[in-house]
Amino acid sequence: QVQLVESGGGLVQPGGSLRLSCAVSGSILRFYAGGWYRQAPGKQRELVARITIGGYTDYSDSVKGRFTISRDNAKNTVYLQMNSLKPEDTAVYYCNVLRNGVTQDWGQGTQVTVSS
């Protein structure tokens, strides 16, 4: 059973940066694609960044150029570097990993609040 634990969220001022981490346990990360999602109050969960097994990355238009997803297979961890944060980035951020298109049970997420 794959378990996901997100960390690194917090309160940051507009224009600031945060680095989120997603620790994966119960399996070997290199066999999975990874993704970061977010859910703002009253909105559906949305995919903001993904990374394939081979390291190809893709981003939603709302974060492109500001966020960077990466993976460290040796540490079984997926990261999300978030720069130039905006108030509209405020949300609970979740990670997930996929194998053969199947996602795992969601973790608890980590709250990101962008406010002055």
C-alpha atoms as a PDB file:
ATOM      1  CA  GLN A   1       0.000   0.000   0.000  1.00  0.00           C
ATOM      2  CA  VAL A   2       1.500   3.293  -1.121  1.00  0.00           C
ATOM      3  CA  GLN A   3       1.382   6.096   1.428  1.00  0.00           C
ATOM      4  CA  LEU A   4       1.888   9.770   0.652  1.00  0.00           C
ATOM      5  CA  VAL A   5       2.917  12.437   3.163  1.00  0.00           C
ATOM      6  CA  GLU A   6       3.023  16.055   2.048  1.00  0.00           C
ATOM      7  CA  SER A   7       4.923  18.765   3.922  1.00  0.00           C
ATOM      8  CA  GLY A   8       6.391  22.229   3.487  1.00  0.00           C
ATOM      9  CA  GLY A   9       3.284  24.370   3.349  1.00  0.00           C
ATOM     10  CA  GLY A  10       2.747  27.544   5.339  1.00  0.00           C
ATOM     11  CA  LEU A  11       1.925  31.225   5.257  1.00  0.00           C
ATOM     12  CA  VAL A  12       3.899  33.325   2.784  1.00  0.00           C
ATOM     13  CA  GLN A  13       3.610  36.838   1.438  1.00  0.00           C
ATOM     14  CA  PRO A  14       2.790  37.476  -2.224  1.00  0.00           C
ATOM     15  CA  GLY A  15       5.936  37.108  -4.298  1.00  0.00           C
ATOM     16  CA  GLY A  16       7.434  34.634  -1.853  1.00  0.00           C
ATOM     17  CA  SER A  17       8.511  31.040  -2.312  1.00  0.00           C
ATOM     18  CA  LEU A  18       7.836  27.654  -0.759  1.00  0.00           C
ATOM     19  CA  ARG A  19       9.118  24.159  -1.450  1.00  0.00           C
ATOM     20  CA  LEU A  20       6.707  21.300  -0.913  1.00  0.00           C
ATOM     21  CA  SER A  21       7.819  17.713  -0.391  1.00  0.00           C
ATOM     22  CA  CYS A  22       5.949  14.471  -0.891  1.00  0.00           C
ATOM     23  CA  ALA A  23       7.421  11.438   0.814  1.00  0.00           C
ATOM     24  CA  VAL A  24       6.359   8.184  -0.801  1.00  0.00           C
ATOM     25  CA  SER A  25       6.443   4.943   1.183  1.00  0.00           C
ATOM     26  CA  GLY A  26       5.265   1.418   0.559  1.00  0.00           C
ATOM     27  CA  SER A  27       6.673   1.209  -2.949  1.00  0.00           C
ATOM     28  CA  ILE A  28       9.506   2.419  -5.172  1.00  0.00           C
ATOM     29  CA  LEU A  29       8.994   5.871  -6.642  1.00  0.00           C
ATOM     30  CA  ARG A  30      10.932   5.223  -9.846  1.00  0.00           C
ATOM     31  CA  PHE A  31       8.091   2.994 -11.068  1.00  0.00           C
ATOM     32  CA  TYR A  32       5.554   5.842 -10.827  1.00  0.00           C
ATOM     33  CA  ALA A  33       4.683   9.117 -12.457  1.00  0.00           C
ATOM     34  CA  GLY A  34       4.037  11.919  -9.980  1.00  0.00           C
ATOM     35  CA  GLY A  35       1.750  14.896  -9.736  1.00  0.00           C
ATOM     36  CA  TRP A  36       0.914  17.850  -7.523  1.00  0.00           C
ATOM     37  CA  TYR A  37      -2.697  18.924  -7.155  1.00  0.00           C
ATOM     38  CA  ARG A  38      -4.414  21.686  -5.236  1.00  0.00           C
ATOM     39  CA  GLN A  39      -7.868  22.369  -3.911  1.00  0.00           C
ATOM     40  CA  ALA A  40      -9.025  25.829  -2.943  1.00  0.00           C
ATOM     41  CA  PRO A  41     -12.130  26.349  -0.786  1.00  0.00           C
ATOM     42  CA  GLY A  42     -15.281  25.761  -2.802  1.00  0.00           C
ATOM     43  CA  LYS A  43     -13.367  24.519  -5.839  1.00  0.00           C
ATOM     44  CA  GLN A  44     -12.558  21.147  -7.318  1.00  0.00           C
ATOM     45  CA  ARG A  45      -9.137  19.597  -6.955  1.00  0.00           C
ATOM     46  CA  GLU A  46      -6.965  20.466  -9.937  1.00  0.00           C
ATOM     47  CA  LEU A  47      -3.693  19.128 -11.294  1.00  0.00           C
ATOM     48  CA  VAL A  48      -1.013  21.825 -11.357  1.00  0.00           C
ATOM     49  CA  ALA A  49       2.152  19.897 -12.204  1.00  0.00           C
ATOM     50  CA  ARG A  50       3.138  16.410 -13.272  1.00  0.00           C
ATOM     51  CA  ILE A  51       6.342  14.507 -13.903  1.00  0.00           C
ATOM     52  CA  THR A  52       6.707  11.275 -15.805  1.00  0.00           C
ATOM     53  CA  ILE A  53       8.907   8.313 -14.926  1.00  0.00           C
ATOM     54  CA  GLY A  54      11.438   9.659 -17.418  1.00  0.00           C
ATOM     55  CA  GLY A  55      11.388  13.153 -15.942  1.00  0.00           C
ATOM     56  CA  TYR A  56       9.192  14.961 -18.476  1.00  0.00           C
ATOM     57  CA  THR A  57       7.275  17.771 -16.773  1.00  0.00           C
ATOM     58  CA  ASP A  58       4.077  19.600 -17.556  1.00  0.00           C
ATOM     59  CA  TYR A  59       2.207  22.425 -15.829  1.00  0.00           C
ATOM     60  CA  SER A  60      -1.142  24.089 -15.764  1.00  0.00           C
ATOM     61  CA  ASP A  61      -1.230  27.500 -17.367  1.00  0.00           C
ATOM     62  CA  SER A  62      -1.871  29.125 -13.990  1.00  0.00           C
ATOM     63  CA  VAL A  63       1.514  28.043 -12.570  1.00  0.00           C
ATOM     64  CA  LYS A  64       3.688  27.663 -15.665  1.00  0.00           C
ATOM     65  CA  GLY A  65       6.939  29.594 -15.271  1.00  0.00           C
ATOM     66  CA  ARG A  66       6.536  29.880 -11.495  1.00  0.00           C
ATOM     67  CA  PHE A  67       6.351  26.296 -10.211  1.00  0.00           C
ATOM     68  CA  THR A  68       8.831  23.481 -10.784  1.00  0.00           C
ATOM     69  CA  ILE A  69       8.145  19.813 -10.090  1.00  0.00           C
ATOM     70  CA  SER A  70      11.040  17.433  -9.551  1.00  0.00           C
ATOM     71  CA  ARG A  71      11.713  13.976  -8.196  1.00  0.00           C
ATOM     72  CA  ASP A  72      14.474  12.264  -6.248  1.00  0.00           C
ATOM     73  CA  ASN A  73      14.031   8.554  -6.713  1.00  0.00           C
ATOM     74  CA  ALA A  74      16.815   7.789  -4.247  1.00  0.00           C
ATOM     75  CA  LYS A  75      14.865   9.603  -1.534  1.00  0.00           C
ATOM     76  CA  ASN A  76      11.456   8.399  -2.764  1.00  0.00           C
ATOM     77  CA  THR A  77      10.321  12.024  -2.769  1.00  0.00           C
ATOM     78  CA  VAL A  78       8.556  14.362  -5.188  1.00  0.00           C
ATOM     79  CA  TYR A  79       9.023  18.118  -4.799  1.00  0.00           C
ATOM     80  CA  LEU A  80       7.204  21.254  -5.873  1.00  0.00           C
ATOM     81  CA  GLN A  81       9.199  24.493  -5.878  1.00  0.00           C
ATOM     82  CA  MET A  82       6.784  27.407  -5.891  1.00  0.00           C
ATOM     83  CA  ASN A  83       8.079  30.896  -6.687  1.00  0.00           C
ATOM     84  CA  SER A  84       6.382  34.255  -7.224  1.00  0.00           C
ATOM     85  CA  LEU A  85       3.404  33.069  -5.215  1.00  0.00           C
ATOM     86  CA  LYS A  86       0.087  34.836  -5.629  1.00  0.00           C
ATOM     87  CA  PRO A  87      -2.968  34.982  -3.345  1.00  0.00           C
ATOM     88  CA  GLU A  88      -4.819  32.805  -5.861  1.00  0.00           C
ATOM     89  CA  ASP A  89      -2.305  30.025  -5.176  1.00  0.00           C
ATOM     90  CA  THR A  90      -3.837  29.625  -1.714  1.00  0.00           C
ATOM     91  CA  ALA A  91      -5.082  26.057  -1.396  1.00  0.00           C
ATOM     92  CA  VAL A  92      -4.432  22.676   0.147  1.00  0.00           C
ATOM     93  CA  TYR A  93      -1.761  20.989  -1.939  1.00  0.00           C
ATOM     94  CA  TYR A  94      -1.737  17.238  -2.460  1.00  0.00           C
ATOM     95  CA  CYS A  95       0.606  14.918  -4.272  1.00  0.00           C
ATOM     96  CA  ASN A  96      -0.134  11.609  -5.908  1.00  0.00           C
ATOM     97  CA  VAL A  97       1.740   8.980  -7.838  1.00  0.00           C
ATOM     98  CA  LEU A  98       0.423   6.968 -10.736  1.00  0.00           C
ATOM     99  CA  ARG A  99       1.235   3.588 -12.185  1.00  0.00           C
ATOM    100  CA  ASN A 100      -0.588   2.419 -15.279  1.00  0.00           C
ATOM    101  CA  GLY A 101      -2.825   5.457 -14.911  1.00  0.00           C
ATOM    102  CA  VAL A 102      -4.002   4.489 -11.422  1.00  0.00           C
ATOM    103  CA  THR A 103      -3.621   6.973  -8.574  1.00  0.00           C
ATOM    104  CA  GLN A 104      -3.143   6.061  -4.926  1.00  0.00           C
ATOM    105  CA  ASP A 105      -5.092   6.979  -1.804  1.00  0.00           C
ATOM    106  CA  TRP A 106      -4.721  10.673  -1.071  1.00  0.00           C
ATOM    107  CA  GLY A 107      -2.604  11.964   1.776  1.00  0.00           C
ATOM    108  CA  GLN A 108      -3.604  14.703   4.184  1.00  0.00           C
ATOM    109  CA  GLY A 109      -2.239  17.502   2.031  1.00  0.00           C
ATOM    110  CA  THR A 110      -0.386  20.626   3.118  1.00  0.00           C
ATOM    111  CA  GLN A 111      -1.942  24.081   3.419  1.00  0.00           C
ATOM    112  CA  VAL A 112      -0.428  26.944   1.449  1.00  0.00           C
ATOM    113  CA  THR A 113      -1.679  30.431   2.265  1.00  0.00           C
ATOM    114  CA  VAL A 114      -0.456  33.442   0.305  1.00  0.00           C
ATOM    115  CA  SER A 115      -1.386  36.654   2.048  1.00  0.00           C
ATOM    116  CA  SER A 116       0.088  39.928   3.165  1.00  0.00           C
END
